[in-house]
């Protein structure tokens, strides 16, 4: 049991510190996970957003457009990919490259993934945000 807890703690530490944004929302779009990347770029701590609606916490998101993407993940039980070429960003974060950045905002690639409960039903959606601000400057 101790080994399982140590392994879980290690995995959670990695998820918290990894240099990509990780958000998990339930079927009501309430935030269940918000990692350190998200805290650093949004200024919102996990304790401030947990169990709160994603669109209320992040009003800069195009709610109608993003809700359609989330619905597609739930309905098709399949990943959805959003590239910066389709939409430069989903989360309106200032980029962290003041010298090389050509935009005020962080360019992002986003992956939405279905997360299933033990019965195989999609009960949450994982949102992974990649900072790709360097890519547009090389295009």
C-alpha atoms as a PDB file:
ATOM      1  CA  UNK A   1       0.000   0.000   0.000  1.00  0.00           C
ATOM      2  CA  UNK A   2       2.835   2.415   0.839  1.00  0.00           C
ATOM      3  CA  UNK A   3       4.444   1.735  -2.555  1.00  0.00           C
ATOM      4  CA  UNK A   4       1.150   2.566  -4.293  1.00  0.00           C
ATOM      5  CA  UNK A   5       0.844   5.822  -2.357  1.00  0.00           C
ATOM      6  CA  UNK A   6       4.469   6.742  -3.123  1.00  0.00           C
ATOM      7  CA  UNK A   7       3.882   6.052  -6.814  1.00  0.00           C
ATOM      8  CA  UNK A   8       0.682   8.122  -6.830  1.00  0.00           C
ATOM      9  CA  UNK A   9       2.440  10.991  -5.067  1.00  0.00           C
ATOM     10  CA  UNK A  10       5.268  10.875  -7.617  1.00  0.00           C
ATOM     11  CA  UNK A  11       2.833  10.933 -10.532  1.00  0.00           C
ATOM     12  CA  UNK A  12       0.907  13.852  -9.071  1.00  0.00           C
ATOM     13  CA  UNK A  13       4.154  15.757  -8.473  1.00  0.00           C
ATOM     14  CA  UNK A  14       5.148  15.282 -12.116  1.00  0.00           C
ATOM     15  CA  UNK A  15       1.721  16.386 -13.361  1.00  0.00           C
ATOM     16  CA  UNK A  16       1.917  19.454 -11.185  1.00  0.00           C
ATOM     17  CA  UNK A  17       5.382  20.501 -12.323  1.00  0.00           C
ATOM     18  CA  UNK A  18       5.322  19.565 -16.020  1.00  0.00           C
ATOM     19  CA  UNK A  19       5.681  22.510 -18.408  1.00  0.00           C
ATOM     20  CA  UNK A  20       2.264  22.105 -20.014  1.00  0.00           C
ATOM     21  CA  UNK A  21      -1.107  23.181 -18.736  1.00  0.00           C
ATOM     22  CA  UNK A  22      -3.340  20.432 -17.404  1.00  0.00           C
ATOM     23  CA  UNK A  23      -6.985  21.083 -16.619  1.00  0.00           C
ATOM     24  CA  UNK A  24      -9.631  18.471 -15.907  1.00  0.00           C
ATOM     25  CA  UNK A  25     -13.310  19.393 -16.035  1.00  0.00           C
ATOM     26  CA  UNK A  26     -16.312  17.307 -15.039  1.00  0.00           C
ATOM     27  CA  UNK A  27     -19.499  16.961 -17.073  1.00  0.00           C
ATOM     28  CA  UNK A  28     -20.711  20.342 -15.768  1.00  0.00           C
ATOM     29  CA  UNK A  29     -17.401  21.968 -16.829  1.00  0.00           C
ATOM     30  CA  UNK A  30     -16.383  22.411 -13.206  1.00  0.00           C
ATOM     31  CA  UNK A  31     -12.610  22.350 -12.757  1.00  0.00           C
ATOM     32  CA  UNK A  32     -11.312  19.247 -10.986  1.00  0.00           C
ATOM     33  CA  UNK A  33      -7.592  19.682 -11.682  1.00  0.00           C
ATOM     34  CA  UNK A  34      -5.511  22.786 -12.352  1.00  0.00           C
ATOM     35  CA  UNK A  35      -1.766  22.326 -12.405  1.00  0.00           C
ATOM     36  CA  UNK A  36       1.148  24.631 -11.647  1.00  0.00           C
ATOM     37  CA  UNK A  37       1.523  25.779 -15.280  1.00  0.00           C
ATOM     38  CA  UNK A  38      -2.084  26.987 -15.195  1.00  0.00           C
ATOM     39  CA  UNK A  39      -1.545  28.721 -11.863  1.00  0.00           C
ATOM     40  CA  UNK A  40       1.609  30.439 -13.082  1.00  0.00           C
ATOM     41  CA  UNK A  41       0.022  31.749 -16.276  1.00  0.00           C
ATOM     42  CA  UNK A  42      -3.475  32.551 -15.012  1.00  0.00           C
ATOM     43  CA  UNK A  43      -2.630  33.838 -11.554  1.00  0.00           C
ATOM     44  CA  UNK A  44      -5.334  31.541 -10.145  1.00  0.00           C
ATOM     45  CA  UNK A  45      -4.453  28.901  -7.544  1.00  0.00           C
ATOM     46  CA  UNK A  46      -5.991  25.419  -7.762  1.00  0.00           C
ATOM     47  CA  UNK A  47      -7.898  26.110  -4.532  1.00  0.00           C
ATOM     48  CA  UNK A  48      -9.494  29.175  -6.161  1.00  0.00           C
ATOM     49  CA  UNK A  49     -10.823  27.306  -9.197  1.00  0.00           C
ATOM     50  CA  UNK A  50     -11.592  23.803  -7.914  1.00  0.00           C
ATOM     51  CA  UNK A  51     -15.272  22.914  -8.405  1.00  0.00           C
ATOM     52  CA  UNK A  52     -15.877  26.203 -10.225  1.00  0.00           C
ATOM     53  CA  UNK A  53     -17.040  26.550 -13.816  1.00  0.00           C
ATOM     54  CA  UNK A  54     -14.206  26.773 -16.356  1.00  0.00           C
ATOM     55  CA  UNK A  55     -15.895  29.545 -18.328  1.00  0.00           C
ATOM     56  CA  UNK A  56     -16.502  31.677 -15.213  1.00  0.00           C
ATOM     57  CA  UNK A  57     -12.876  31.276 -14.115  1.00  0.00           C
ATOM     58  CA  UNK A  58     -11.527  31.933 -17.623  1.00  0.00           C
ATOM     59  CA  UNK A  59     -13.910  34.425 -19.240  1.00  0.00           C
ATOM     60  CA  UNK A  60     -11.512  34.965 -22.162  1.00  0.00           C
ATOM     61  CA  UNK A  61     -12.373  31.544 -23.601  1.00  0.00           C
ATOM     62  CA  UNK A  62     -14.805  31.571 -26.520  1.00  0.00           C
ATOM     63  CA  UNK A  63     -17.434  29.572 -24.618  1.00  0.00           C
ATOM     64  CA  UNK A  64     -19.717  28.564 -27.496  1.00  0.00           C
ATOM     65  CA  UNK A  65     -16.822  27.413 -29.694  1.00  0.00           C
ATOM     66  CA  UNK A  66     -14.949  25.597 -26.895  1.00  0.00           C
ATOM     67  CA  UNK A  67     -18.122  23.963 -25.550  1.00  0.00           C
ATOM     68  CA  UNK A  68     -18.669  22.398 -28.993  1.00  0.00           C
ATOM     69  CA  UNK A  69     -15.133  20.948 -28.802  1.00  0.00           C
ATOM     70  CA  UNK A  70     -15.748  19.558 -25.310  1.00  0.00           C
ATOM     71  CA  UNK A  71     -19.109  18.109 -26.402  1.00  0.00           C
ATOM     72  CA  UNK A  72     -17.422  16.373 -29.340  1.00  0.00           C
ATOM     73  CA  UNK A  73     -14.934  14.709 -26.967  1.00  0.00           C
ATOM     74  CA  UNK A  74     -17.782  13.460 -24.771  1.00  0.00           C
ATOM     75  CA  UNK A  75     -20.045  12.318 -27.614  1.00  0.00           C
ATOM     76  CA  UNK A  76     -17.408  10.604 -29.744  1.00  0.00           C
ATOM     77  CA  UNK A  77     -15.251   9.378 -26.849  1.00  0.00           C
ATOM     78  CA  UNK A  78     -12.320  10.653 -28.878  1.00  0.00           C
ATOM     79  CA  UNK A  79      -9.514  13.186 -28.648  1.00  0.00           C
ATOM     80  CA  UNK A  80      -9.861  16.620 -30.188  1.00  0.00           C
ATOM     81  CA  UNK A  81      -6.849  18.657 -31.272  1.00  0.00           C
ATOM     82  CA  UNK A  82      -6.711  22.431 -31.622  1.00  0.00           C
ATOM     83  CA  UNK A  83      -3.635  23.986 -33.202  1.00  0.00           C
ATOM     84  CA  UNK A  84      -2.451  27.550 -32.978  1.00  0.00           C
ATOM     85  CA  UNK A  85      -3.020  27.837 -36.735  1.00  0.00           C
ATOM     86  CA  UNK A  86      -6.755  27.236 -36.194  1.00  0.00           C
ATOM     87  CA  UNK A  87      -6.923  29.599 -33.238  1.00  0.00           C
ATOM     88  CA  UNK A  88      -3.814  31.230 -31.751  1.00  0.00           C
ATOM     89  CA  UNK A  89      -4.889  30.534 -28.169  1.00  0.00           C
ATOM     90  CA  UNK A  90      -7.713  29.093 -26.097  1.00  0.00           C
ATOM     91  CA  UNK A  91      -6.566  30.440 -22.721  1.00  0.00           C
ATOM     92  CA  UNK A  92      -5.648  34.106 -22.891  1.00  0.00           C
ATOM     93  CA  UNK A  93      -2.207  33.990 -21.277  1.00  0.00           C
ATOM     94  CA  UNK A  94       0.553  36.502 -21.853  1.00  0.00           C
ATOM     95  CA  UNK A  95       3.510  34.786 -23.449  1.00  0.00           C
ATOM     96  CA  UNK A  96       6.703  34.416 -21.477  1.00  0.00           C
ATOM     97  CA  UNK A  97       9.054  35.294 -24.347  1.00  0.00           C
ATOM     98  CA  UNK A  98       9.139  39.095 -24.325  1.00  0.00           C
ATOM     99  CA  UNK A  99      12.055  39.416 -26.756  1.00  0.00           C
ATOM    100  CA  UNK A 100      11.289  36.739 -29.351  1.00  0.00           C
ATOM    101  CA  UNK A 101       7.504  36.777 -29.059  1.00  0.00           C
ATOM    102  CA  UNK A 102       5.616  38.434 -31.889  1.00  0.00           C
ATOM    103  CA  UNK A 103       2.261  38.378 -30.155  1.00  0.00           C
ATOM    104  CA  UNK A 104       1.028  39.708 -26.857  1.00  0.00           C
ATOM    105  CA  UNK A 105      -0.561  36.307 -26.129  1.00  0.00           C
ATOM    106  CA  UNK A 106       0.843  32.807 -25.775  1.00  0.00           C
ATOM    107  CA  UNK A 107       0.311  30.688 -28.889  1.00  0.00           C
ATOM    108  CA  UNK A 108      -1.129  27.311 -27.869  1.00  0.00           C
ATOM    109  CA  UNK A 109      -1.787  23.857 -29.170  1.00  0.00           C
ATOM    110  CA  UNK A 110      -4.507  22.161 -27.142  1.00  0.00           C
ATOM    111  CA  UNK A 111      -5.503  18.518 -26.808  1.00  0.00           C
ATOM    112  CA  UNK A 112      -8.808  17.487 -25.251  1.00  0.00           C
ATOM    113  CA  UNK A 113      -9.037  13.893 -24.071  1.00  0.00           C
ATOM    114  CA  UNK A 114     -11.943  11.840 -22.733  1.00  0.00           C
ATOM    115  CA  UNK A 115     -11.455  10.520 -19.201  1.00  0.00           C
ATOM    116  CA  UNK A 116     -13.591   7.511 -18.336  1.00  0.00           C
ATOM    117  CA  UNK A 117     -14.957   6.177 -15.084  1.00  0.00           C
ATOM    118  CA  UNK A 118     -14.667   2.444 -14.241  1.00  0.00           C
ATOM    119  CA  UNK A 119     -17.880   1.771 -16.230  1.00  0.00           C
ATOM    120  CA  UNK A 120     -16.265   3.149 -19.385  1.00  0.00           C
ATOM    121  CA  UNK A 121     -18.356   6.329 -19.469  1.00  0.00           C
ATOM    122  CA  UNK A 122     -16.740   9.682 -20.185  1.00  0.00           C
ATOM    123  CA  UNK A 123     -17.124  11.534 -16.902  1.00  0.00           C
ATOM    124  CA  UNK A 124     -14.400  14.152 -17.306  1.00  0.00           C
ATOM    125  CA  UNK A 125     -12.454  15.862 -20.053  1.00  0.00           C
ATOM    126  CA  UNK A 126      -8.727  16.474 -19.795  1.00  0.00           C
ATOM    127  CA  UNK A 127      -7.388  19.636 -21.406  1.00  0.00           C
ATOM    128  CA  UNK A 128      -3.681  19.823 -22.172  1.00  0.00           C
ATOM    129  CA  UNK A 129      -2.252  23.210 -23.156  1.00  0.00           C
ATOM    130  CA  UNK A 130       1.119  23.420 -24.904  1.00  0.00           C
ATOM    131  CA  UNK A 131       2.965  26.735 -25.168  1.00  0.00           C
ATOM    132  CA  UNK A 132       4.094  26.886 -28.804  1.00  0.00           C
ATOM    133  CA  UNK A 133       4.858  30.603 -28.894  1.00  0.00           C
ATOM    134  CA  UNK A 134       8.197  29.955 -30.614  1.00  0.00           C
ATOM    135  CA  UNK A 135       6.602  28.201 -33.604  1.00  0.00           C
ATOM    136  CA  UNK A 136       4.876  31.201 -35.236  1.00  0.00           C
ATOM    137  CA  UNK A 137       8.141  33.168 -35.191  1.00  0.00           C
ATOM    138  CA  UNK A 138       9.755  30.430 -37.306  1.00  0.00           C
ATOM    139  CA  UNK A 139       6.952  30.202 -39.865  1.00  0.00           C
END
